[in-house]
Amino acid sequence: VRAGVLEEDYDFESHKELVPMQPGDVPVTYADTS
């Protein structure tokens, strides 16, 4: 919205859908970079 890609009043809530996991995906990934 800030960059002007979407309008200021874009109705974000009506454009998102929460769905189950995809095959091959994992729920959490993060790195120990020590």
Full PDB file with SEQRES, HELIX, SHEET, SSBOND, CRYST1, ORIGX, SCALE, CONECT and MASTER records, all heavy atoms in Angstrom:
SEQRES   1 A   34  VAL ARG ALA GLY VAL LEU GLU GLU ASP TYR ASP PHE GLU          
SEQRES   2 A   34  SER HIS LYS GLU LEU VAL PRO MET GLN PRO GLY ASP VAL          
SEQRES   3 A   34  PRO VAL THR TYR ALA ASP THR SER                              
HELIX    1 AA1 GLU A   13  HIS A   15  5                                   3    
CRYST1    1.000    1.000    1.000  90.00  90.00  90.00 P 1           1          
ORIGX1      1.000000  0.000000  0.000000        0.00000                         
ORIGX2      0.000000  1.000000  0.000000        0.00000                         
ORIGX3      0.000000  0.000000  1.000000        0.00000                         
SCALE1      1.000000  0.000000  0.000000        0.00000                         
SCALE2      0.000000  1.000000  0.000000        0.00000                         
SCALE3      0.000000  0.000000  1.000000        0.00000                         
ATOM      1  N   VAL A   1       0.844  -1.191   0.000  1.00  0.00           N  
ATOM      2  CA  VAL A   1       0.000   0.000   0.000  1.00  0.00           C  
ATOM      3  C   VAL A   1       0.883   1.246   0.000  1.00  0.00           C  
ATOM      4  O   VAL A   1       0.661   2.189  -0.774  1.00  0.00           O  
ATOM      5  CB  VAL A   1      -0.950  -0.005   1.224  1.00  0.00           C  
ATOM      6  CG1 VAL A   1      -1.633   1.358   1.375  1.00  0.00           C  
ATOM      7  CG2 VAL A   1      -1.994  -1.108   1.080  1.00  0.00           C  
ATOM      8  N   ARG A   2       1.904   1.237   0.826  1.00  0.00           N  
ATOM      9  CA  ARG A   2       2.804   2.394   0.923  1.00  0.00           C  
ATOM     10  C   ARG A   2       3.483   2.694  -0.409  1.00  0.00           C  
ATOM     11  O   ARG A   2       3.634   3.862  -0.795  1.00  0.00           O  
ATOM     12  CB  ARG A   2       3.867   2.136   2.001  1.00  0.00           C  
ATOM     13  CG  ARG A   2       4.829   3.283   2.206  1.00  0.00           C  
ATOM     14  CD  ARG A   2       5.936   2.920   3.192  1.00  0.00           C  
ATOM     15  NE  ARG A   2       6.916   3.990   3.254  1.00  0.00           N  
ATOM     16  CZ  ARG A   2       7.910   4.155   2.375  1.00  0.00           C  
ATOM     17  NH1 ARG A   2       8.055   3.306   1.380  1.00  0.00           N  
ATOM     18  NH2 ARG A   2       8.758   5.171   2.499  1.00  0.00           N  
ATOM     19  N   ALA A   3       3.874   1.636  -1.127  1.00  0.00           N  
ATOM     20  CA  ALA A   3       4.585   1.813  -2.403  1.00  0.00           C  
ATOM     21  C   ALA A   3       3.641   2.144  -3.556  1.00  0.00           C  
ATOM     22  O   ALA A   3       4.095   2.493  -4.645  1.00  0.00           O  
ATOM     23  CB  ALA A   3       5.388   0.552  -2.734  1.00  0.00           C  
ATOM     24  N   GLY A   4       2.325   2.013  -3.310  1.00  0.00           N  
ATOM     25  CA  GLY A   4       1.371   2.305  -4.383  1.00  0.00           C  
ATOM     26  C   GLY A   4       1.066   1.115  -5.271  1.00  0.00           C  
ATOM     27  O   GLY A   4       0.470   1.270  -6.341  1.00  0.00           O  
ATOM     28  N   VAL A   5       1.485  -0.080  -4.836  1.00  0.00           N  
ATOM     29  CA  VAL A   5       1.145  -1.288  -5.600  1.00  0.00           C  
ATOM     30  C   VAL A   5      -0.333  -1.636  -5.364  1.00  0.00           C  
ATOM     31  O   VAL A   5      -1.051  -2.041  -6.276  1.00  0.00           O  
ATOM     32  CB  VAL A   5       2.048  -2.476  -5.192  1.00  0.00           C  
ATOM     33  CG1 VAL A   5       1.630  -3.757  -5.909  1.00  0.00           C  
ATOM     34  CG2 VAL A   5       3.514  -2.158  -5.493  1.00  0.00           C  
ATOM     35  N   LEU A   6      -0.810  -1.453  -4.136  1.00  0.00           N  
ATOM     36  CA  LEU A   6      -2.221  -1.641  -3.778  1.00  0.00           C  
ATOM     37  C   LEU A   6      -2.817  -0.305  -3.348  1.00  0.00           C  
ATOM     38  O   LEU A   6      -2.108   0.576  -2.852  1.00  0.00           O  
ATOM     39  CB  LEU A   6      -2.359  -2.654  -2.635  1.00  0.00           C  
ATOM     40  CG  LEU A   6      -1.801  -4.065  -2.870  1.00  0.00           C  
ATOM     41  CD1 LEU A   6      -1.993  -4.914  -1.614  1.00  0.00           C  
ATOM     42  CD2 LEU A   6      -2.468  -4.732  -4.071  1.00  0.00           C  
ATOM     43  N   GLU A   7      -4.144  -0.188  -3.520  1.00  0.00           N  
ATOM     44  CA  GLU A   7      -4.818   1.055  -3.135  1.00  0.00           C  
ATOM     45  C   GLU A   7      -4.855   1.189  -1.608  1.00  0.00           C  
ATOM     46  O   GLU A   7      -4.806   0.203  -0.889  1.00  0.00           O  
ATOM     47  CB  GLU A   7      -6.256   1.071  -3.670  1.00  0.00           C  
ATOM     48  CG  GLU A   7      -6.400   0.794  -5.155  1.00  0.00           C  
ATOM     49  CD  GLU A   7      -6.440  -0.695  -5.475  1.00  0.00           C  
ATOM     50  OE1 GLU A   7      -6.942  -1.484  -4.649  1.00  0.00           O  
ATOM     51  OE2 GLU A   7      -5.923  -1.074  -6.545  1.00  0.00           O  
ATOM     52  N   GLU A   8      -4.994   2.419  -1.154  1.00  0.00           N  
ATOM     53  CA  GLU A   8      -5.035   2.715   0.286  1.00  0.00           C  
ATOM     54  C   GLU A   8      -6.132   1.927   1.014  1.00  0.00           C  
ATOM     55  O   GLU A   8      -5.953   1.468   2.128  1.00  0.00           O  
ATOM     56  CB  GLU A   8      -5.282   4.215   0.509  1.00  0.00           C  
ATOM     57  CG  GLU A   8      -4.076   5.100   0.237  1.00  0.00           C  
ATOM     58  CD  GLU A   8      -3.046   5.080   1.380  1.00  0.00           C  
ATOM     59  OE1 GLU A   8      -3.388   4.576   2.464  1.00  0.00           O  
ATOM     60  OE2 GLU A   8      -1.914   5.553   1.163  1.00  0.00           O  
ATOM     61  N   ASP A   9      -7.298   1.776   0.345  1.00  0.00           N  
ATOM     62  CA  ASP A   9      -8.440   1.139   1.018  1.00  0.00           C  
ATOM     63  C   ASP A   9      -8.601  -0.327   0.612  1.00  0.00           C  
ATOM     64  O   ASP A   9      -9.703  -0.872   0.648  1.00  0.00           O  
ATOM     65  CB  ASP A   9      -9.727   1.914   0.706  1.00  0.00           C  
ATOM     66  CG  ASP A   9     -10.004   1.971  -0.806  1.00  0.00           C  
ATOM     67  OD1 ASP A   9      -9.102   1.572  -1.601  1.00  0.00           O  
ATOM     68  OD2 ASP A   9     -11.104   2.402  -1.191  1.00  0.00           O  
ATOM     69  N   TYR A  10      -7.499  -0.970   0.213  1.00  0.00           N  
ATOM     70  CA  TYR A  10      -7.567  -2.370  -0.248  1.00  0.00           C  
ATOM     71  C   TYR A  10      -8.160  -3.258   0.856  1.00  0.00           C  
ATOM     72  O   TYR A  10      -7.708  -3.210   2.013  1.00  0.00           O  
ATOM     73  CB  TYR A  10      -6.172  -2.868  -0.629  1.00  0.00           C  
ATOM     74  CG  TYR A  10      -6.173  -4.193  -1.369  1.00  0.00           C  
ATOM     75  CD1 TYR A  10      -6.274  -4.234  -2.753  1.00  0.00           C  
ATOM     76  CD2 TYR A  10      -6.082  -5.396  -0.681  1.00  0.00           C  
ATOM     77  CE1 TYR A  10      -6.275  -5.431  -3.443  1.00  0.00           C  
ATOM     78  CE2 TYR A  10      -6.088  -6.607  -1.361  1.00  0.00           C  
ATOM     79  CZ  TYR A  10      -6.181  -6.614  -2.738  1.00  0.00           C  
ATOM     80  OH  TYR A  10      -6.192  -7.810  -3.422  1.00  0.00           O  
ATOM     81  N   ASP A  11      -9.174  -4.051   0.488  1.00  0.00           N  
ATOM     82  CA  ASP A  11      -9.833  -4.936   1.456  1.00  0.00           C  
ATOM     83  C   ASP A  11      -9.041  -6.243   1.565  1.00  0.00           C  
ATOM     84  O   ASP A  11      -9.333  -7.231   0.901  1.00  0.00           O  
ATOM     85  CB  ASP A  11     -11.276  -5.218   1.010  1.00  0.00           C  
ATOM     86  CG  ASP A  11     -12.018  -6.098   2.016  1.00  0.00           C  
ATOM     87  OD1 ASP A  11     -11.432  -6.405   3.082  1.00  0.00           O  
ATOM     88  OD2 ASP A  11     -13.155  -6.494   1.728  1.00  0.00           O  
ATOM     89  N   PHE A  12      -8.033  -6.189   2.411  1.00  0.00           N  
ATOM     90  CA  PHE A  12      -7.114  -7.325   2.511  1.00  0.00           C  
ATOM     91  C   PHE A  12      -7.783  -8.570   3.082  1.00  0.00           C  
ATOM     92  O   PHE A  12      -7.550  -9.685   2.619  1.00  0.00           O  
ATOM     93  CB  PHE A  12      -5.916  -6.906   3.370  1.00  0.00           C  
ATOM     94  CG  PHE A  12      -4.868  -7.965   3.489  1.00  0.00           C  
ATOM     95  CD1 PHE A  12      -4.170  -8.412   2.385  1.00  0.00           C  
ATOM     96  CD2 PHE A  12      -4.579  -8.530   4.724  1.00  0.00           C  
ATOM     97  CE1 PHE A  12      -3.204  -9.381   2.491  1.00  0.00           C  
ATOM     98  CE2 PHE A  12      -3.610  -9.519   4.840  1.00  0.00           C  
ATOM     99  CZ  PHE A  12      -2.924  -9.947   3.721  1.00  0.00           C  
ATOM    100  N   GLU A  13      -8.653  -8.387   4.095  1.00  0.00           N  
ATOM    101  CA  GLU A  13      -9.251  -9.536   4.782  1.00  0.00           C  
ATOM    102  C   GLU A  13     -10.039 -10.429   3.832  1.00  0.00           C  
ATOM    103  O   GLU A  13     -10.052 -11.648   3.979  1.00  0.00           O  
ATOM    104  CB  GLU A  13     -10.165  -9.063   5.920  1.00  0.00           C  
ATOM    105  CG  GLU A  13      -9.415  -8.500   7.118  1.00  0.00           C  
ATOM    106  CD  GLU A  13      -8.429  -9.499   7.707  1.00  0.00           C  
ATOM    107  OE1 GLU A  13      -8.805 -10.669   7.900  1.00  0.00           O  
ATOM    108  OE2 GLU A  13      -7.264  -9.117   7.953  1.00  0.00           O  
ATOM    109  N   SER A  14     -10.702  -9.835   2.850  1.00  0.00           N  
ATOM    110  CA  SER A  14     -11.520 -10.640   1.930  1.00  0.00           C  
ATOM    111  C   SER A  14     -10.680 -11.332   0.859  1.00  0.00           C  
ATOM    112  O   SER A  14     -11.207 -12.093   0.050  1.00  0.00           O  
ATOM    113  CB  SER A  14     -12.584  -9.762   1.266  1.00  0.00           C  
ATOM    114  OG  SER A  14     -11.975  -8.839   0.376  1.00  0.00           O  
ATOM    115  N   HIS A  15      -9.372 -11.057   0.839  1.00  0.00           N  
ATOM    116  CA  HIS A  15      -8.494 -11.660  -0.179  1.00  0.00           C  
ATOM    117  C   HIS A  15      -7.502 -12.655   0.404  1.00  0.00           C  
ATOM    118  O   HIS A  15      -6.515 -13.000  -0.241  1.00  0.00           O  
ATOM    119  CB  HIS A  15      -7.738 -10.572  -0.948  1.00  0.00           C  
ATOM    120  CG  HIS A  15      -8.611  -9.773  -1.858  1.00  0.00           C  
ATOM    121  ND1 HIS A  15      -9.226  -8.607  -1.456  1.00  0.00           N  
ATOM    122  CD2 HIS A  15      -8.998  -9.979  -3.148  1.00  0.00           C  
ATOM    123  CE1 HIS A  15      -9.939  -8.122  -2.459  1.00  0.00           C  
ATOM    124  NE2 HIS A  15      -9.827  -8.929  -3.495  1.00  0.00           N  
ATOM    125  N   LYS A  16      -7.743 -13.078   1.640  1.00  0.00           N  
ATOM    126  CA  LYS A  16      -6.848 -14.097   2.196  1.00  0.00           C  
ATOM    127  C   LYS A  16      -7.656 -15.283   2.713  1.00  0.00           C  
ATOM    128  O   LYS A  16      -8.770 -15.128   3.208  1.00  0.00           O  
ATOM    129  CB  LYS A  16      -5.946 -13.517   3.292  1.00  0.00           C  
ATOM    130  CG  LYS A  16      -6.614 -13.220   4.608  1.00  0.00           C  
ATOM    131  CD  LYS A  16      -5.577 -12.710   5.615  1.00  0.00           C  
ATOM    132  CE  LYS A  16      -6.233 -12.472   6.970  1.00  0.00           C  
ATOM    133  NZ  LYS A  16      -5.357 -11.828   7.927  1.00  0.00           N  
ATOM    134  N   GLU A  17      -7.066 -16.462   2.566  1.00  0.00           N  
ATOM    135  CA  GLU A  17      -7.719 -17.710   2.968  1.00  0.00           C  
ATOM    136  C   GLU A  17      -6.695 -18.559   3.727  1.00  0.00           C  
ATOM    137  O   GLU A  17      -5.601 -18.814   3.222  1.00  0.00           O  
ATOM    138  CB  GLU A  17      -8.214 -18.460   1.726  1.00  0.00           C  
ATOM    139  CG  GLU A  17      -8.894 -19.782   2.024  1.00  0.00           C  
ATOM    140  CD  GLU A  17      -9.200 -20.578   0.759  1.00  0.00           C  
ATOM    141  OE1 GLU A  17      -8.839 -20.122  -0.348  1.00  0.00           O  
ATOM    142  OE2 GLU A  17      -9.773 -21.671   0.898  1.00  0.00           O  
ATOM    143  N   LEU A  18      -7.046 -18.971   4.929  1.00  0.00           N  
ATOM    144  CA  LEU A  18      -6.159 -19.815   5.725  1.00  0.00           C  
ATOM    145  C   LEU A  18      -6.433 -21.276   5.376  1.00  0.00           C  
ATOM    146  O   LEU A  18      -7.566 -21.741   5.454  1.00  0.00           O  
ATOM    147  CB  LEU A  18      -6.382 -19.568   7.218  1.00  0.00           C  
ATOM    148  CG  LEU A  18      -6.227 -18.114   7.684  1.00  0.00           C  
ATOM    149  CD1 LEU A  18      -6.444 -17.998   9.188  1.00  0.00           C  
ATOM    150  CD2 LEU A  18      -4.853 -17.566   7.314  1.00  0.00           C  
ATOM    151  N   VAL A  19      -5.389 -21.994   4.954  1.00  0.00           N  
ATOM    152  CA  VAL A  19      -5.558 -23.378   4.461  1.00  0.00           C  
ATOM    153  C   VAL A  19      -4.541 -24.305   5.140  1.00  0.00           C  
ATOM    154  O   VAL A  19      -3.570 -23.846   5.737  1.00  0.00           O  
ATOM    155  CB  VAL A  19      -5.385 -23.446   2.922  1.00  0.00           C  
ATOM    156  CG1 VAL A  19      -6.444 -22.619   2.213  1.00  0.00           C  
ATOM    157  CG2 VAL A  19      -3.986 -22.982   2.513  1.00  0.00           C  
ATOM    158  N   PRO A  20      -4.769 -25.652   5.035  1.00  0.00           N  
ATOM    159  CA  PRO A  20      -3.839 -26.601   5.670  1.00  0.00           C  
ATOM    160  C   PRO A  20      -2.474 -26.604   4.994  1.00  0.00           C  
ATOM    161  O   PRO A  20      -2.246 -25.975   3.964  1.00  0.00           O  
ATOM    162  CB  PRO A  20      -4.532 -27.964   5.500  1.00  0.00           C  
ATOM    163  CG  PRO A  20      -5.912 -27.675   5.039  1.00  0.00           C  
ATOM    164  CD  PRO A  20      -5.897 -26.338   4.400  1.00  0.00           C  
ATOM    165  N   MET A  21      -1.575 -27.378   5.569  1.00  0.00           N  
ATOM    166  CA  MET A  21      -0.208 -27.539   5.083  1.00  0.00           C  
ATOM    167  C   MET A  21      -0.167 -28.154   3.688  1.00  0.00           C  
ATOM    168  O   MET A  21      -1.009 -28.961   3.346  1.00  0.00           O  
ATOM    169  CB  MET A  21       0.479 -28.492   6.050  1.00  0.00           C  
ATOM    170  CG  MET A  21       1.891 -28.235   6.356  1.00  0.00           C  
ATOM    171  SD  MET A  21       2.341 -26.591   6.728  1.00  0.00           S  
ATOM    172  CE  MET A  21       3.961 -26.978   7.204  1.00  0.00           C  
ATOM    173  N   GLN A  22       0.845 -27.794   2.899  1.00  0.00           N  
ATOM    174  CA  GLN A  22       1.093 -28.393   1.580  1.00  0.00           C  
ATOM    175  C   GLN A  22       1.991 -29.609   1.721  1.00  0.00           C  
ATOM    176  O   GLN A  22       2.898 -29.604   2.567  1.00  0.00           O  
ATOM    177  CB  GLN A  22       1.821 -27.385   0.690  1.00  0.00           C  
ATOM    178  CG  GLN A  22       0.960 -26.301   0.125  1.00  0.00           C  
ATOM    179  CD  GLN A  22       0.503 -26.661  -1.264  1.00  0.00           C  
ATOM    180  OE1 GLN A  22      -0.607 -27.092  -1.475  1.00  0.00           O  
ATOM    181  NE2 GLN A  22       1.372 -26.491  -2.220  1.00  0.00           N  
ATOM    182  N   PRO A  23       1.829 -30.646   0.865  1.00  0.00           N  
ATOM    183  CA  PRO A  23       2.786 -31.762   0.892  1.00  0.00           C  
ATOM    184  C   PRO A  23       4.207 -31.254   0.630  1.00  0.00           C  
ATOM    185  O   PRO A  23       4.412 -30.419  -0.244  1.00  0.00           O  
ATOM    186  CB  PRO A  23       2.318 -32.663  -0.265  1.00  0.00           C  
ATOM    187  CG  PRO A  23       0.916 -32.248  -0.553  1.00  0.00           C  
ATOM    188  CD  PRO A  23       0.802 -30.813  -0.162  1.00  0.00           C  
ATOM    189  N   GLY A  24       5.162 -31.757   1.399  1.00  0.00           N  
ATOM    190  CA  GLY A  24       6.559 -31.368   1.193  1.00  0.00           C  
ATOM    191  C   GLY A  24       6.986 -30.142   1.973  1.00  0.00           C  
ATOM    192  O   GLY A  24       8.165 -29.825   2.032  1.00  0.00           O  
ATOM    193  N   ASP A  25       6.020 -29.429   2.574  1.00  0.00           N  
ATOM    194  CA  ASP A  25       6.363 -28.243   3.358  1.00  0.00           C  
ATOM    195  C   ASP A  25       6.554 -28.605   4.832  1.00  0.00           C  
ATOM    196  O   ASP A  25       6.060 -29.620   5.299  1.00  0.00           O  
ATOM    197  CB  ASP A  25       5.259 -27.192   3.239  1.00  0.00           C  
ATOM    198  CG  ASP A  25       5.547 -26.189   2.128  1.00  0.00           C  
ATOM    199  OD1 ASP A  25       6.598 -26.328   1.488  1.00  0.00           O  
ATOM    200  OD2 ASP A  25       4.728 -25.292   1.910  1.00  0.00           O  
ATOM    201  N   VAL A  26       7.250 -27.755   5.547  1.00  0.00           N  
ATOM    202  CA  VAL A  26       7.455 -27.958   6.985  1.00  0.00           C  
ATOM    203  C   VAL A  26       6.983 -26.701   7.720  1.00  0.00           C  
ATOM    204  O   VAL A  26       7.061 -25.604   7.185  1.00  0.00           O  
ATOM    205  CB  VAL A  26       8.939 -28.252   7.313  1.00  0.00           C  
ATOM    206  CG1 VAL A  26       9.327 -29.637   6.813  1.00  0.00           C  
ATOM    207  CG2 VAL A  26       9.867 -27.218   6.710  1.00  0.00           C  
ATOM    208  N   PRO A  27       6.464 -26.854   8.961  1.00  0.00           N  
ATOM    209  CA  PRO A  27       5.842 -25.715   9.637  1.00  0.00           C  
ATOM    210  C   PRO A  27       6.815 -24.627  10.087  1.00  0.00           C  
ATOM    211  O   PRO A  27       6.512 -23.447  10.012  1.00  0.00           O  
ATOM    212  CB  PRO A  27       5.132 -26.340  10.838  1.00  0.00           C  
ATOM    213  CG  PRO A  27       5.701 -27.704  10.996  1.00  0.00           C  
ATOM    214  CD  PRO A  27       6.255 -28.116   9.673  1.00  0.00           C  
ATOM    215  N   VAL A  28       7.997 -25.024  10.553  1.00  0.00           N  
ATOM    216  CA  VAL A  28       8.944 -24.025  11.084  1.00  0.00           C  
ATOM    217  C   VAL A  28      10.333 -24.295  10.515  1.00  0.00           C  
ATOM    218  O   VAL A  28      10.821 -25.424  10.560  1.00  0.00           O  
ATOM    219  CB  VAL A  28       9.027 -24.091  12.629  1.00  0.00           C  
ATOM    220  CG1 VAL A  28      10.019 -23.053  13.150  1.00  0.00           C  
ATOM    221  CG2 VAL A  28       7.663 -23.887  13.262  1.00  0.00           C  
ATOM    222  N   THR A  29      10.945 -23.274   9.925  1.00  0.00           N  
ATOM    223  CA  THR A  29      12.360 -23.399   9.547  1.00  0.00           C  
ATOM    224  C   THR A  29      13.078 -22.130   9.991  1.00  0.00           C  
ATOM    225  O   THR A  29      12.664 -21.033   9.641  1.00  0.00           O  
ATOM    226  CB  THR A  29      12.567 -23.556   8.023  1.00  0.00           C  
ATOM    227  OG1 THR A  29      12.156 -22.364   7.352  1.00  0.00           O  
ATOM    228  CG2 THR A  29      11.774 -24.724   7.470  1.00  0.00           C  
ATOM    229  N   TYR A  30      14.106 -22.328  10.813  1.00  0.00           N  
ATOM    230  CA  TYR A  30      14.995 -21.187  11.020  1.00  0.00           C  
ATOM    231  C   TYR A  30      16.380 -21.674  11.423  1.00  0.00           C  
ATOM    232  O   TYR A  30      16.551 -22.806  11.871  1.00  0.00           O  
ATOM    233  CB  TYR A  30      14.410 -20.156  11.972  1.00  0.00           C  
ATOM    234  CG  TYR A  30      14.571 -20.334  13.457  1.00  0.00           C  
ATOM    235  CD1 TYR A  30      15.538 -19.621  14.172  1.00  0.00           C  
ATOM    236  CD2 TYR A  30      13.705 -21.161  14.170  1.00  0.00           C  
ATOM    237  CE1 TYR A  30      15.644 -19.726  15.545  1.00  0.00           C  
ATOM    238  CE2 TYR A  30      13.797 -21.271  15.554  1.00  0.00           C  
ATOM    239  CZ  TYR A  30      14.783 -20.554  16.237  1.00  0.00           C  
ATOM    240  OH  TYR A  30      14.873 -20.668  17.590  1.00  0.00           O  
ATOM    241  N   ALA A  31      17.336 -20.790  11.209  1.00  0.00           N  
ATOM    242  CA  ALA A  31      18.733 -21.192  11.204  1.00  0.00           C  
ATOM    243  C   ALA A  31      19.443 -20.855  12.503  1.00  0.00           C  
ATOM    244  O   ALA A  31      19.287 -19.762  13.041  1.00  0.00           O  
ATOM    245  CB  ALA A  31      19.457 -20.496  10.047  1.00  0.00           C  
ATOM    246  N   ASP A  32      20.251 -21.794  12.978  1.00  0.00           N  
ATOM    247  CA  ASP A  32      21.281 -21.483  13.965  1.00  0.00           C  
ATOM    248  C   ASP A  32      22.501 -21.025  13.161  1.00  0.00           C  
ATOM    249  O   ASP A  32      23.149 -21.826  12.486  1.00  0.00           O  
ATOM    250  CB  ASP A  32      21.607 -22.726  14.794  1.00  0.00           C  
ATOM    251  CG  ASP A  32      22.768 -22.504  15.764  1.00  0.00           C  
ATOM    252  OD1 ASP A  32      23.387 -21.417  15.714  1.00  0.00           O  
ATOM    253  OD2 ASP A  32      23.069 -23.420  16.543  1.00  0.00           O  
ATOM    254  N   THR A  33      22.777 -19.730  13.193  1.00  0.00           N  
ATOM    255  CA  THR A  33      23.866 -19.174  12.372  1.00  0.00           C  
ATOM    256  C   THR A  33      25.092 -18.834  13.215  1.00  0.00           C  
ATOM    257  O   THR A  33      25.959 -18.074  12.786  1.00  0.00           O  
ATOM    258  CB  THR A  33      23.386 -17.907  11.638  1.00  0.00           C  
ATOM    259  OG1 THR A  33      22.901 -16.960  12.607  1.00  0.00           O  
ATOM    260  CG2 THR A  33      22.263 -18.223  10.661  1.00  0.00           C  
ATOM    261  N   SER A  34      25.167 -19.424  14.418  1.00  0.00           N  
ATOM    262  CA  SER A  34      26.264 -19.060  15.329  1.00  0.00           C  
ATOM    263  C   SER A  34      27.637 -19.396  14.737  1.00  0.00           C  
ATOM    264  O   SER A  34      28.604 -18.665  14.962  1.00  0.00           O  
ATOM    265  CB  SER A  34      26.081 -19.750  16.685  1.00  0.00           C  
ATOM    266  OG  SER A  34      25.950 -21.153  16.528  1.00  0.00           O  
TER     267      SER A  34                                                      
MASTER        0    0    0    1    0    0    0    6  266    1    0    3          
END                                                                             
